Amino acid sequence: MELEIQTQQIDLDPDWRDLIERLAGRLQTRYPEMLRLHVTVRHGPHHRRGLEEVSLVANVSGVTLRADKQEEQVRTALRHFNEFLRLAPPGVPESEQVRQRIKLLKSGTF
């Protein structure tokens, strides 16, 4: 799997890189067919609100998954992605889990 990390208007903290690499490893384990993961960390355009944004774009089995999360801190946004990976209920077939995750990603309600 190809991992690309990009920053915009913010420097990449080594701790964030570690979190992103661990997240990529978890995604690779769950979706061995994943070809690419692109992560963008950016400082929000509204300097007074101070929000940071993390975006993930993953190519899995001919499907492109995209998720965006805004939080006050990058680390918090990355934790939300980790929580998202734990949403798979036991006993649900993997294909249904993938559909549920795609639905949550598209709705942005994870």
PDB file of N, CA and C in Angstrom:
ATOM      1  N   MET A   1       0.834  -1.175   0.000  1.00  0.00           N
ATOM      2  CA  MET A   1       0.000   0.000   0.000  1.00  0.00           C
ATOM      3  C   MET A   1       0.881   1.240   0.000  1.00  0.00           C
ATOM      4  N   GLU A   2       0.456   2.210  -0.758  1.00  0.00           N
ATOM      5  CA  GLU A   2       1.164   3.482  -0.838  1.00  0.00           C
ATOM      6  C   GLU A   2       0.549   4.454   0.163  1.00  0.00           C
ATOM      7  N   LEU A   3       1.371   5.048   1.015  1.00  0.00           N
ATOM      8  CA  LEU A   3       0.909   6.030   2.002  1.00  0.00           C
ATOM      9  C   LEU A   3       1.509   7.378   1.654  1.00  0.00           C
ATOM     10  N   GLU A   4       0.659   8.375   1.525  1.00  0.00           N
ATOM     11  CA  GLU A   4       1.114   9.731   1.247  1.00  0.00           C
ATOM     12  C   GLU A   4       0.544  10.655   2.310  1.00  0.00           C
ATOM     13  N   ILE A   5       1.407  11.447   2.944  1.00  0.00           N
ATOM     14  CA  ILE A   5       0.993  12.398   3.965  1.00  0.00           C
ATOM     15  C   ILE A   5       1.340  13.792   3.461  1.00  0.00           C
ATOM     16  N   GLN A   6       0.355  14.668   3.484  1.00  0.00           N
ATOM     17  CA  GLN A   6       0.538  16.026   3.002  1.00  0.00           C
ATOM     18  C   GLN A   6       0.062  16.997   4.072  1.00  0.00           C
ATOM     19  N   THR A   7       0.729  18.145   4.185  1.00  0.00           N
ATOM     20  CA  THR A   7       0.285  19.175   5.119  1.00  0.00           C
ATOM     21  C   THR A   7       0.048  20.463   4.352  1.00  0.00           C
ATOM     22  N   GLN A   8      -0.871  21.260   4.885  1.00  0.00           N
ATOM     23  CA  GLN A   8      -1.155  22.567   4.301  1.00  0.00           C
ATOM     24  C   GLN A   8      -1.267  23.580   5.422  1.00  0.00           C
ATOM     25  N   GLN A   9      -0.419  24.594   5.383  1.00  0.00           N
ATOM     26  CA  GLN A   9      -0.416  25.690   6.354  1.00  0.00           C
ATOM     27  C   GLN A   9      -0.135  25.222   7.783  1.00  0.00           C
ATOM     28  N   ILE A  10       0.554  24.091   7.917  1.00  0.00           N
ATOM     29  CA  ILE A  10       0.895  23.559   9.240  1.00  0.00           C
ATOM     30  C   ILE A  10       2.085  22.610   9.070  1.00  0.00           C
ATOM     31  N   ASP A  11       2.942  22.539  10.065  1.00  0.00           N
ATOM     32  CA  ASP A  11       4.065  21.598  10.033  1.00  0.00           C
ATOM     33  C   ASP A  11       3.623  20.251  10.586  1.00  0.00           C
ATOM     34  N   LEU A  12       4.165  19.183  10.028  1.00  0.00           N
ATOM     35  CA  LEU A  12       3.811  17.834  10.456  1.00  0.00           C
ATOM     36  C   LEU A  12       4.588  17.467  11.714  1.00  0.00           C
ATOM     37  N   ASP A  13       3.870  17.230  12.773  1.00  0.00           N
ATOM     38  CA  ASP A  13       4.458  16.811  14.038  1.00  0.00           C
ATOM     39  C   ASP A  13       4.836  15.329  13.923  1.00  0.00           C
ATOM     40  N   PRO A  14       6.009  14.916  14.420  1.00  0.00           N
ATOM     41  CA  PRO A  14       6.390  13.496  14.354  1.00  0.00           C
ATOM     42  C   PRO A  14       5.385  12.563  15.032  1.00  0.00           C
ATOM     43  N   ASP A  15       4.727  13.034  16.102  1.00  0.00           N
ATOM     44  CA  ASP A  15       3.704  12.216  16.767  1.00  0.00           C
ATOM     45  C   ASP A  15       2.510  11.976  15.843  1.00  0.00           C
ATOM     46  N   TRP A  16       2.146  12.998  15.073  1.00  0.00           N
ATOM     47  CA  TRP A  16       1.039  12.832  14.117  1.00  0.00           C
ATOM     48  C   TRP A  16       1.411  11.809  13.058  1.00  0.00           C
ATOM     49  N   ARG A  17       2.673  11.879  12.596  1.00  0.00           N
ATOM     50  CA  ARG A  17       3.131  10.918  11.580  1.00  0.00           C
ATOM     51  C   ARG A  17       3.013   9.489  12.133  1.00  0.00           C
ATOM     52  N   ASP A  18       3.425   9.293  13.383  1.00  0.00           N
ATOM     53  CA  ASP A  18       3.316   7.964  14.006  1.00  0.00           C
ATOM     54  C   ASP A  18       1.857   7.500  14.064  1.00  0.00           C
ATOM     55  N   LEU A  19       0.957   8.399  14.485  1.00  0.00           N
ATOM     56  CA  LEU A  19      -0.464   8.051  14.544  1.00  0.00           C
ATOM     57  C   LEU A  19      -1.007   7.691  13.168  1.00  0.00           C
ATOM     58  N   ILE A  20      -0.624   8.460  12.166  1.00  0.00           N
ATOM     59  CA  ILE A  20      -1.085   8.202  10.800  1.00  0.00           C
ATOM     60  C   ILE A  20      -0.546   6.865  10.300  1.00  0.00           C
ATOM     61  N   GLU A  21       0.712   6.575  10.574  1.00  0.00           N
ATOM     62  CA  GLU A  21       1.288   5.299  10.140  1.00  0.00           C
ATOM     63  C   GLU A  21       0.616   4.117  10.841  1.00  0.00           C
ATOM     64  N   ARG A  22       0.271   4.271  12.128  1.00  0.00           N
ATOM     65  CA  ARG A  22      -0.454   3.206  12.826  1.00  0.00           C
ATOM     66  C   ARG A  22      -1.864   3.037  12.272  1.00  0.00           C
ATOM     67  N   LEU A  23      -2.516   4.147  11.969  1.00  0.00           N
ATOM     68  CA  LEU A  23      -3.843   4.104  11.353  1.00  0.00           C
ATOM     69  C   LEU A  23      -3.771   3.402  10.003  1.00  0.00           C
ATOM     70  N   ALA A  24      -2.750   3.722   9.217  1.00  0.00           N
ATOM     71  CA  ALA A  24      -2.575   3.074   7.915  1.00  0.00           C
ATOM     72  C   ALA A  24      -2.352   1.578   8.080  1.00  0.00           C
ATOM     73  N   GLY A  25      -1.597   1.189   9.101  1.00  0.00           N
ATOM     74  CA  GLY A  25      -1.377  -0.232   9.361  1.00  0.00           C
ATOM     75  C   GLY A  25      -2.671  -0.953   9.707  1.00  0.00           C
ATOM     76  N   ARG A  26      -3.522  -0.306  10.516  1.00  0.00           N
ATOM     77  CA  ARG A  26      -4.816  -0.910  10.860  1.00  0.00           C
ATOM     78  C   ARG A  26      -5.705  -1.040   9.627  1.00  0.00           C
ATOM     79  N   LEU A  27      -5.703   0.005   8.804  1.00  0.00           N
ATOM     80  CA  LEU A  27      -6.491  -0.053   7.573  1.00  0.00           C
ATOM     81  C   LEU A  27      -5.980  -1.157   6.651  1.00  0.00           C
ATOM     82  N   GLN A  28      -4.663  -1.281   6.547  1.00  0.00           N
ATOM     83  CA  GLN A  28      -4.058  -2.312   5.694  1.00  0.00           C
ATOM     84  C   GLN A  28      -4.438  -3.711   6.187  1.00  0.00           C
ATOM     85  N   THR A  29      -4.509  -3.891   7.513  1.00  0.00           N
ATOM     86  CA  THR A  29      -4.891  -5.183   8.071  1.00  0.00           C
ATOM     87  C   THR A  29      -6.351  -5.500   7.744  1.00  0.00           C
ATOM     88  N   ARG A  30      -7.224  -4.506   7.919  1.00  0.00           N
ATOM     89  CA  ARG A  30      -8.648  -4.715   7.645  1.00  0.00           C
ATOM     90  C   ARG A  30      -8.943  -4.846   6.164  1.00  0.00           C
ATOM     91  N   TYR A  31      -8.223  -4.085   5.360  1.00  0.00           N
ATOM     92  CA  TYR A  31      -8.469  -4.065   3.913  1.00  0.00           C
ATOM     93  C   TYR A  31      -7.156  -4.354   3.175  1.00  0.00           C
ATOM     94  N   PRO A  32      -6.757  -5.608   3.101  1.00  0.00           N
ATOM     95  CA  PRO A  32      -5.481  -5.919   2.455  1.00  0.00           C
ATOM     96  C   PRO A  32      -5.458  -5.529   0.976  1.00  0.00           C
ATOM     97  N   GLU A  33      -6.643  -5.337   0.397  1.00  0.00           N
ATOM     98  CA  GLU A  33      -6.712  -4.955  -1.003  1.00  0.00           C
ATOM     99  C   GLU A  33      -6.560  -3.441  -1.204  1.00  0.00           C
ATOM    100  N   MET A  34      -6.340  -2.682  -0.113  1.00  0.00           N
ATOM    101  CA  MET A  34      -6.162  -1.245  -0.242  1.00  0.00           C
ATOM    102  C   MET A  34      -4.882  -0.940  -1.004  1.00  0.00           C
ATOM    103  N   LEU A  35      -5.009  -0.071  -1.995  1.00  0.00           N
ATOM    104  CA  LEU A  35      -3.865   0.287  -2.821  1.00  0.00           C
ATOM    105  C   LEU A  35      -3.165   1.545  -2.335  1.00  0.00           C
ATOM    106  N   ARG A  36      -3.957   2.515  -1.859  1.00  0.00           N
ATOM    107  CA  ARG A  36      -3.378   3.822  -1.567  1.00  0.00           C
ATOM    108  C   ARG A  36      -4.153   4.497  -0.444  1.00  0.00           C
ATOM    109  N   LEU A  37      -3.431   5.213   0.409  1.00  0.00           N
ATOM    110  CA  LEU A  37      -4.036   6.048   1.441  1.00  0.00           C
ATOM    111  C   LEU A  37      -3.357   7.410   1.392  1.00  0.00           C
ATOM    112  N   HIS A  38      -4.159   8.422   1.183  1.00  0.00           N
ATOM    113  CA  HIS A  38      -3.657   9.801   1.148  1.00  0.00           C
ATOM    114  C   HIS A  38      -4.243  10.542   2.348  1.00  0.00           C
ATOM    115  N   VAL A  39      -3.385  11.113   3.180  1.00  0.00           N
ATOM    116  CA  VAL A  39      -3.806  11.845   4.376  1.00  0.00           C
ATOM    117  C   VAL A  39      -3.344  13.290   4.241  1.00  0.00           C
ATOM    118  N   THR A  40      -4.279  14.209   4.425  1.00  0.00           N
ATOM    119  CA  THR A  40      -3.944  15.631   4.388  1.00  0.00           C
ATOM    120  C   THR A  40      -4.278  16.239   5.742  1.00  0.00           C
ATOM    121  N   VAL A  41      -3.303  16.930   6.315  1.00  0.00           N
ATOM    122  CA  VAL A  41      -3.482  17.645   7.580  1.00  0.00           C
ATOM    123  C   VAL A  41      -3.364  19.123   7.244  1.00  0.00           C
ATOM    124  N   ARG A  42      -4.415  19.892   7.596  1.00  0.00           N
ATOM    125  CA  ARG A  42      -4.366  21.315   7.272  1.00  0.00           C
ATOM    126  C   ARG A  42      -4.900  22.156   8.421  1.00  0.00           C
ATOM    127  N   HIS A  43      -4.358  23.353   8.489  1.00  0.00           N
ATOM    128  CA  HIS A  43      -4.858  24.327   9.452  1.00  0.00           C
ATOM    129  C   HIS A  43      -6.097  24.951   8.829  1.00  0.00           C
ATOM    130  N   GLY A  44      -7.178  25.029   9.592  1.00  0.00           N
ATOM    131  CA  GLY A  44      -8.434  25.572   9.083  1.00  0.00           C
ATOM    132  C   GLY A  44      -8.288  27.000   8.590  1.00  0.00           C
ATOM    133  N   PRO A  45      -9.087  27.366   7.604  1.00  0.00           N
ATOM    134  CA  PRO A  45      -8.972  28.700   7.012  1.00  0.00           C
ATOM    135  C   PRO A  45      -9.431  29.819   7.940  1.00  0.00           C
ATOM    136  N   HIS A  46     -10.200  29.488   8.962  1.00  0.00           N
ATOM    137  CA  HIS A  46     -10.701  30.508   9.878  1.00  0.00           C
ATOM    138  C   HIS A  46      -9.802  30.562  11.102  1.00  0.00           C
ATOM    139  N   HIS A  47      -8.835  31.470  11.078  1.00  0.00           N
ATOM    140  CA  HIS A  47      -7.817  31.511  12.127  1.00  0.00           C
ATOM    141  C   HIS A  47      -8.395  31.780  13.512  1.00  0.00           C
ATOM    142  N   ARG A  48      -9.531  32.413  13.601  1.00  0.00           N
ATOM    143  CA  ARG A  48     -10.096  32.703  14.924  1.00  0.00           C
ATOM    144  C   ARG A  48     -10.708  31.472  15.575  1.00  0.00           C
ATOM    145  N   ARG A  49     -11.261  30.562  14.763  1.00  0.00           N
ATOM    146  CA  ARG A  49     -11.826  29.340  15.324  1.00  0.00           C
ATOM    147  C   ARG A  49     -10.736  28.350  15.692  1.00  0.00           C
ATOM    148  N   GLY A  50      -9.625  28.396  14.983  1.00  0.00           N
ATOM    149  CA  GLY A  50      -8.500  27.530  15.314  1.00  0.00           C
ATOM    150  C   GLY A  50      -8.716  26.060  15.044  1.00  0.00           C
ATOM    151  N   LEU A  51      -9.592  25.713  14.107  1.00  0.00           N
ATOM    152  CA  LEU A  51      -9.841  24.308  13.817  1.00  0.00           C
ATOM    153  C   LEU A  51      -8.767  23.732  12.903  1.00  0.00           C
ATOM    154  N   GLU A  52      -8.423  22.483  13.178  1.00  0.00           N
ATOM    155  CA  GLU A  52      -7.517  21.737  12.319  1.00  0.00           C
ATOM    156  C   GLU A  52      -8.350  20.703  11.575  1.00  0.00           C
ATOM    157  N   GLU A  53      -7.947  20.359  10.377  1.00  0.00           N
ATOM    158  CA  GLU A  53      -8.705  19.404   9.576  1.00  0.00           C
ATOM    159  C   GLU A  53      -7.801  18.276   9.105  1.00  0.00           C
ATOM    160  N   VAL A  54      -8.317  17.056   9.210  1.00  0.00           N
ATOM    161  CA  VAL A  54      -7.620  15.876   8.703  1.00  0.00           C
ATOM    162  C   VAL A  54      -8.536  15.226   7.674  1.00  0.00           C
ATOM    163  N   SER A  55      -7.995  14.947   6.489  1.00  0.00           N
ATOM    164  CA  SER A  55      -8.749  14.292   5.423  1.00  0.00           C
ATOM    165  C   SER A  55      -8.052  12.997   5.046  1.00  0.00           C
ATOM    166  N   LEU A  56      -8.848  11.950   4.874  1.00  0.00           N
ATOM    167  CA  LEU A  56      -8.338  10.661   4.404  1.00  0.00           C
ATOM    168  C   LEU A  56      -8.998  10.332   3.075  1.00  0.00           C
ATOM    169  N   VAL A  57      -8.209   9.853   2.147  1.00  0.00           N
ATOM    170  CA  VAL A  57      -8.729   9.321   0.893  1.00  0.00           C
ATOM    171  C   VAL A  57      -8.057   7.970   0.696  1.00  0.00           C
ATOM    172  N   ALA A  58      -8.882   6.916   0.617  1.00  0.00           N
ATOM    173  CA  ALA A  58      -8.357   5.557   0.474  1.00  0.00           C
ATOM    174  C   ALA A  58      -8.960   4.904  -0.763  1.00  0.00           C
ATOM    175  N   ASN A  59      -8.131   4.206  -1.513  1.00  0.00           N
ATOM    176  CA  ASN A  59      -8.600   3.433  -2.663  1.00  0.00           C
ATOM    177  C   ASN A  59      -8.607   1.967  -2.268  1.00  0.00           C
ATOM    178  N   VAL A  60      -9.832   1.385  -2.169  1.00  0.00           N
ATOM    179  CA  VAL A  60     -10.014   0.004  -1.754  1.00  0.00           C
ATOM    180  C   VAL A  60     -10.937  -0.691  -2.745  1.00  0.00           C
ATOM    181  N   SER A  61     -10.474  -1.759  -3.356  1.00  0.00           N
ATOM    182  CA  SER A  61     -11.304  -2.600  -4.230  1.00  0.00           C
ATOM    183  C   SER A  61     -12.134  -1.796  -5.222  1.00  0.00           C
ATOM    184  N   GLY A  62     -11.526  -0.880  -5.909  1.00  0.00           N
ATOM    185  CA  GLY A  62     -12.246  -0.114  -6.916  1.00  0.00           C
ATOM    186  C   GLY A  62     -13.164   0.950  -6.351  1.00  0.00           C
ATOM    187  N   VAL A  63     -13.123   1.161  -5.033  1.00  0.00           N
ATOM    188  CA  VAL A  63     -13.955   2.165  -4.376  1.00  0.00           C
ATOM    189  C   VAL A  63     -13.029   3.195  -3.737  1.00  0.00           C
ATOM    190  N   THR A  64     -13.411   4.453  -3.844  1.00  0.00           N
ATOM    191  CA  THR A  64     -12.656   5.501  -3.175  1.00  0.00           C
ATOM    192  C   THR A  64     -13.419   5.926  -1.939  1.00  0.00           C
ATOM    193  N   LEU A  65     -12.789   5.787  -0.778  1.00  0.00           N
ATOM    194  CA  LEU A  65     -13.376   6.200   0.495  1.00  0.00           C
ATOM    195  C   LEU A  65     -12.758   7.530   0.892  1.00  0.00           C
ATOM    196  N   ARG A  66     -13.606   8.453   1.319  1.00  0.00           N
ATOM    197  CA  ARG A  66     -13.116   9.761   1.729  1.00  0.00           C
ATOM    198  C   ARG A  66     -13.746  10.121   3.068  1.00  0.00           C
ATOM    199  N   ALA A  67     -12.942  10.673   3.964  1.00  0.00           N
ATOM    200  CA  ALA A  67     -13.446  11.129   5.255  1.00  0.00           C
ATOM    201  C   ALA A  67     -12.704  12.391   5.649  1.00  0.00           C
ATOM    202  N   ASP A  68     -13.426  13.335   6.208  1.00  0.00           N
ATOM    203  CA  ASP A  68     -12.863  14.587   6.686  1.00  0.00           C
ATOM    204  C   ASP A  68     -13.324  14.794   8.119  1.00  0.00           C
ATOM    205  N   LYS A  69     -12.432  15.321   8.935  1.00  0.00           N
ATOM    206  CA  LYS A  69     -12.792  15.590  10.326  1.00  0.00           C
ATOM    207  C   LYS A  69     -12.113  16.880  10.765  1.00  0.00           C
ATOM    208  N   GLN A  70     -12.904  17.787  11.368  1.00  0.00           N
ATOM    209  CA  GLN A  70     -12.361  19.019  11.915  1.00  0.00           C
ATOM    210  C   GLN A  70     -12.439  18.960  13.435  1.00  0.00           C
ATOM    211  N   GLU A  71     -11.358  19.316  14.060  1.00  0.00           N
ATOM    212  CA  GLU A  71     -11.280  19.351  15.519  1.00  0.00           C
ATOM    213  C   GLU A  71     -10.336  20.481  15.922  1.00  0.00           C
ATOM    214  N   GLU A  72     -10.308  20.767  17.203  1.00  0.00           N
ATOM    215  CA  GLU A  72      -9.398  21.797  17.696  1.00  0.00           C
ATOM    216  C   GLU A  72      -7.947  21.340  17.615  1.00  0.00           C
ATOM    217  N   GLN A  73      -7.727  20.017  17.691  1.00  0.00           N
ATOM    218  CA  GLN A  73      -6.381  19.470  17.625  1.00  0.00           C
ATOM    219  C   GLN A  73      -6.334  18.336  16.611  1.00  0.00           C
ATOM    220  N   VAL A  74      -5.210  18.233  15.914  1.00  0.00           N
ATOM    221  CA  VAL A  74      -5.025  17.182  14.908  1.00  0.00           C
ATOM    222  C   VAL A  74      -5.121  15.803  15.567  1.00  0.00           C
ATOM    223  N   ARG A  75      -4.505  15.647  16.713  1.00  0.00           N
ATOM    224  CA  ARG A  75      -4.508  14.350  17.410  1.00  0.00           C
ATOM    225  C   ARG A  75      -5.943  13.882  17.678  1.00  0.00           C
ATOM    226  N   THR A  76      -6.836  14.779  18.063  1.00  0.00           N
ATOM    227  CA  THR A  76      -8.230  14.421  18.325  1.00  0.00           C
ATOM    228  C   THR A  76      -8.918  13.953  17.049  1.00  0.00           C
ATOM    229  N   ALA A  77      -8.669  14.649  15.953  1.00  0.00           N
ATOM    230  CA  ALA A  77      -9.258  14.247  14.672  1.00  0.00           C
ATOM    231  C   ALA A  77      -8.765  12.860  14.266  1.00  0.00           C
ATOM    232  N   LEU A  78      -7.482  12.582  14.463  1.00  0.00           N
ATOM    233  CA  LEU A  78      -6.937  11.271  14.118  1.00  0.00           C
ATOM    234  C   LEU A  78      -7.548  10.181  15.004  1.00  0.00           C
ATOM    235  N   ARG A  79      -7.809  10.487  16.265  1.00  0.00           N
ATOM    236  CA  ARG A  79      -8.446   9.506  17.158  1.00  0.00           C
ATOM    237  C   ARG A  79      -9.851   9.149  16.678  1.00  0.00           C
ATOM    238  N   HIS A  80     -10.552  10.124  16.111  1.00  0.00           N
ATOM    239  CA  HIS A  80     -11.885   9.838  15.576  1.00  0.00           C
ATOM    240  C   HIS A  80     -11.805   8.795  14.463  1.00  0.00           C
ATOM    241  N   PHE A  81     -10.778   8.867  13.636  1.00  0.00           N
ATOM    242  CA  PHE A  81     -10.613   7.865  12.579  1.00  0.00           C
ATOM    243  C   PHE A  81     -10.335   6.491  13.184  1.00  0.00           C
ATOM    244  N   ASN A  82      -9.550   6.443  14.250  1.00  0.00           N
ATOM    245  CA  ASN A  82      -9.291   5.163  14.923  1.00  0.00           C
ATOM    246  C   ASN A  82     -10.581   4.586  15.496  1.00  0.00           C
ATOM    247  N   GLU A  83     -11.414   5.432  16.110  1.00  0.00           N
ATOM    248  CA  GLU A  83     -12.700   4.970  16.643  1.00  0.00           C
ATOM    249  C   GLU A  83     -13.585   4.448  15.520  1.00  0.00           C
ATOM    250  N   PHE A  84     -13.540   5.115  14.394  1.00  0.00           N
ATOM    251  CA  PHE A  84     -14.335   4.696  13.241  1.00  0.00           C
ATOM    252  C   PHE A  84     -13.989   3.269  12.830  1.00  0.00           C
ATOM    253  N   LEU A  85     -12.716   2.909  12.914  1.00  0.00           N
ATOM    254  CA  LEU A  85     -12.297   1.564  12.525  1.00  0.00           C
ATOM    255  C   LEU A  85     -12.819   0.506  13.486  1.00  0.00           C
ATOM    256  N   ARG A  86     -13.189   0.899  14.706  1.00  0.00           N
ATOM    257  CA  ARG A  86     -13.680  -0.060  15.698  1.00  0.00           C
ATOM    258  C   ARG A  86     -15.197  -0.222  15.659  1.00  0.00           C
ATOM    259  N   LEU A  87     -15.883   0.374  14.687  1.00  0.00           N
ATOM    260  CA  LEU A  87     -17.343   0.343  14.648  1.00  0.00           C
ATOM    261  C   LEU A  87     -17.934  -0.970  14.156  1.00  0.00           C
ATOM    262  N   ALA A  88     -17.111  -1.879  13.673  1.00  0.00           N
ATOM    263  CA  ALA A  88     -17.639  -3.119  13.100  1.00  0.00           C
ATOM    264  C   ALA A  88     -18.265  -3.980  14.183  1.00  0.00           C
ATOM    265  N   PRO A  89     -19.570  -4.188  14.123  1.00  0.00           N
ATOM    266  CA  PRO A  89     -20.210  -5.047  15.121  1.00  0.00           C
ATOM    267  C   PRO A  89     -19.853  -6.513  14.890  1.00  0.00           C
ATOM    268  N   PRO A  90     -19.718  -7.312  15.949  1.00  0.00           N
ATOM    269  CA  PRO A  90     -19.374  -8.721  15.772  1.00  0.00           C
ATOM    270  C   PRO A  90     -20.496  -9.472  15.065  1.00  0.00           C
ATOM    271  N   GLY A  91     -20.128 -10.443  14.264  1.00  0.00           N
ATOM    272  CA  GLY A  91     -21.096 -11.286  13.585  1.00  0.00           C
ATOM    273  C   GLY A  91     -21.615 -10.733  12.275  1.00  0.00           C
ATOM    274  N   VAL A  92     -21.222  -9.513  11.908  1.00  0.00           N
ATOM    275  CA  VAL A  92     -21.654  -8.939  10.638  1.00  0.00           C
ATOM    276  C   VAL A  92     -20.605  -9.272   9.580  1.00  0.00           C
ATOM    277  N   PRO A  93     -21.031  -9.805   8.435  1.00  0.00           N
ATOM    278  CA  PRO A  93     -20.055 -10.151   7.388  1.00  0.00           C
ATOM    279  C   PRO A  93     -19.218  -8.940   6.986  1.00  0.00           C
ATOM    280  N   GLU A  94     -17.976  -9.203   6.613  1.00  0.00           N
ATOM    281  CA  GLU A  94     -17.050  -8.127   6.251  1.00  0.00           C
ATOM    282  C   GLU A  94     -17.630  -7.246   5.154  1.00  0.00           C
ATOM    283  N   SER A  95     -18.290  -7.826   4.151  1.00  0.00           N
ATOM    284  CA  SER A  95     -18.838  -7.007   3.064  1.00  0.00           C
ATOM    285  C   SER A  95     -19.886  -6.025   3.605  1.00  0.00           C
ATOM    286  N   GLU A  96     -20.679  -6.453   4.574  1.00  0.00           N
ATOM    287  CA  GLU A  96     -21.666  -5.557   5.168  1.00  0.00           C
ATOM    288  C   GLU A  96     -20.982  -4.497   6.021  1.00  0.00           C
ATOM    289  N   GLN A  97     -19.901  -4.868   6.699  1.00  0.00           N
ATOM    290  CA  GLN A  97     -19.141  -3.893   7.486  1.00  0.00           C
ATOM    291  C   GLN A  97     -18.591  -2.811   6.575  1.00  0.00           C
ATOM    292  N   VAL A  98     -18.071  -3.210   5.423  1.00  0.00           N
ATOM    293  CA  VAL A  98     -17.541  -2.235   4.463  1.00  0.00           C
ATOM    294  C   VAL A  98     -18.658  -1.303   4.016  1.00  0.00           C
ATOM    295  N   ARG A  99     -19.826  -1.834   3.697  1.00  0.00           N
ATOM    296  CA  ARG A  99     -20.951  -0.997   3.271  1.00  0.00           C
ATOM    297  C   ARG A  99     -21.355  -0.028   4.388  1.00  0.00           C
ATOM    298  N   GLN A 100     -21.353  -0.512   5.632  1.00  0.00           N
ATOM    299  CA  GLN A 100     -21.712   0.361   6.749  1.00  0.00           C
ATOM    300  C   GLN A 100     -20.689   1.486   6.915  1.00  0.00           C
ATOM    301  N   ARG A 101     -19.426   1.156   6.778  1.00  0.00           N
ATOM    302  CA  ARG A 101     -18.387   2.181   6.907  1.00  0.00           C
ATOM    303  C   ARG A 101     -18.486   3.204   5.778  1.00  0.00           C
ATOM    304  N   ILE A 102     -18.714   2.726   4.563  1.00  0.00           N
ATOM    305  CA  ILE A 102     -18.849   3.647   3.430  1.00  0.00           C
ATOM    306  C   ILE A 102     -20.027   4.580   3.678  1.00  0.00           C
ATOM    307  N   LYS A 103     -21.130   4.039   4.164  1.00  0.00           N
ATOM    308  CA  LYS A 103     -22.310   4.861   4.449  1.00  0.00           C
ATOM    309  C   LYS A 103     -21.977   5.925   5.508  1.00  0.00           C
ATOM    310  N   LEU A 104     -21.274   5.527   6.570  1.00  0.00           N
ATOM    311  CA  LEU A 104     -20.892   6.482   7.604  1.00  0.00           C
ATOM    312  C   LEU A 104     -19.929   7.536   7.069  1.00  0.00           C
ATOM    313  N   LEU A 105     -18.978   7.114   6.242  1.00  0.00           N
ATOM    314  CA  LEU A 105     -18.032   8.066   5.673  1.00  0.00           C
ATOM    315  C   LEU A 105     -18.753   9.093   4.816  1.00  0.00           C
ATOM    316  N   LYS A 106     -19.679   8.616   3.993  1.00  0.00           N
ATOM    317  CA  LYS A 106     -20.397   9.532   3.108  1.00  0.00           C
ATOM    318  C   LYS A 106     -21.265  10.503   3.908  1.00  0.00           C
ATOM    319  N   SER A 107     -21.825  10.038   5.014  1.00  0.00           N
ATOM    320  CA  SER A 107     -22.695  10.908   5.796  1.00  0.00           C
ATOM    321  C   SER A 107     -21.884  11.839   6.695  1.00  0.00           C
ATOM    322  N   GLY A 108     -20.636  11.483   6.987  1.00  0.00           N
ATOM    323  CA  GLY A 108     -19.794  12.300   7.851  1.00  0.00           C
ATOM    324  C   GLY A 108     -20.218  12.282   9.305  1.00  0.00           C
ATOM    325  N   THR A 109     -20.949  11.234   9.723  1.00  0.00           N
ATOM    326  CA  THR A 109     -21.485  11.204  11.088  1.00  0.00           C
ATOM    327  C   THR A 109     -20.758  10.214  11.972  1.00  0.00           C
ATOM    328  N   PHE A 110     -19.518   9.899  11.718  1.00  0.00           N
ATOM    329  CA  PHE A 110     -18.822   8.957  12.576  1.00  0.00           C
ATOM    330  C   PHE A 110     -18.179   9.644  13.730  1.00  0.00           C
TER     331      PHE A 110
END
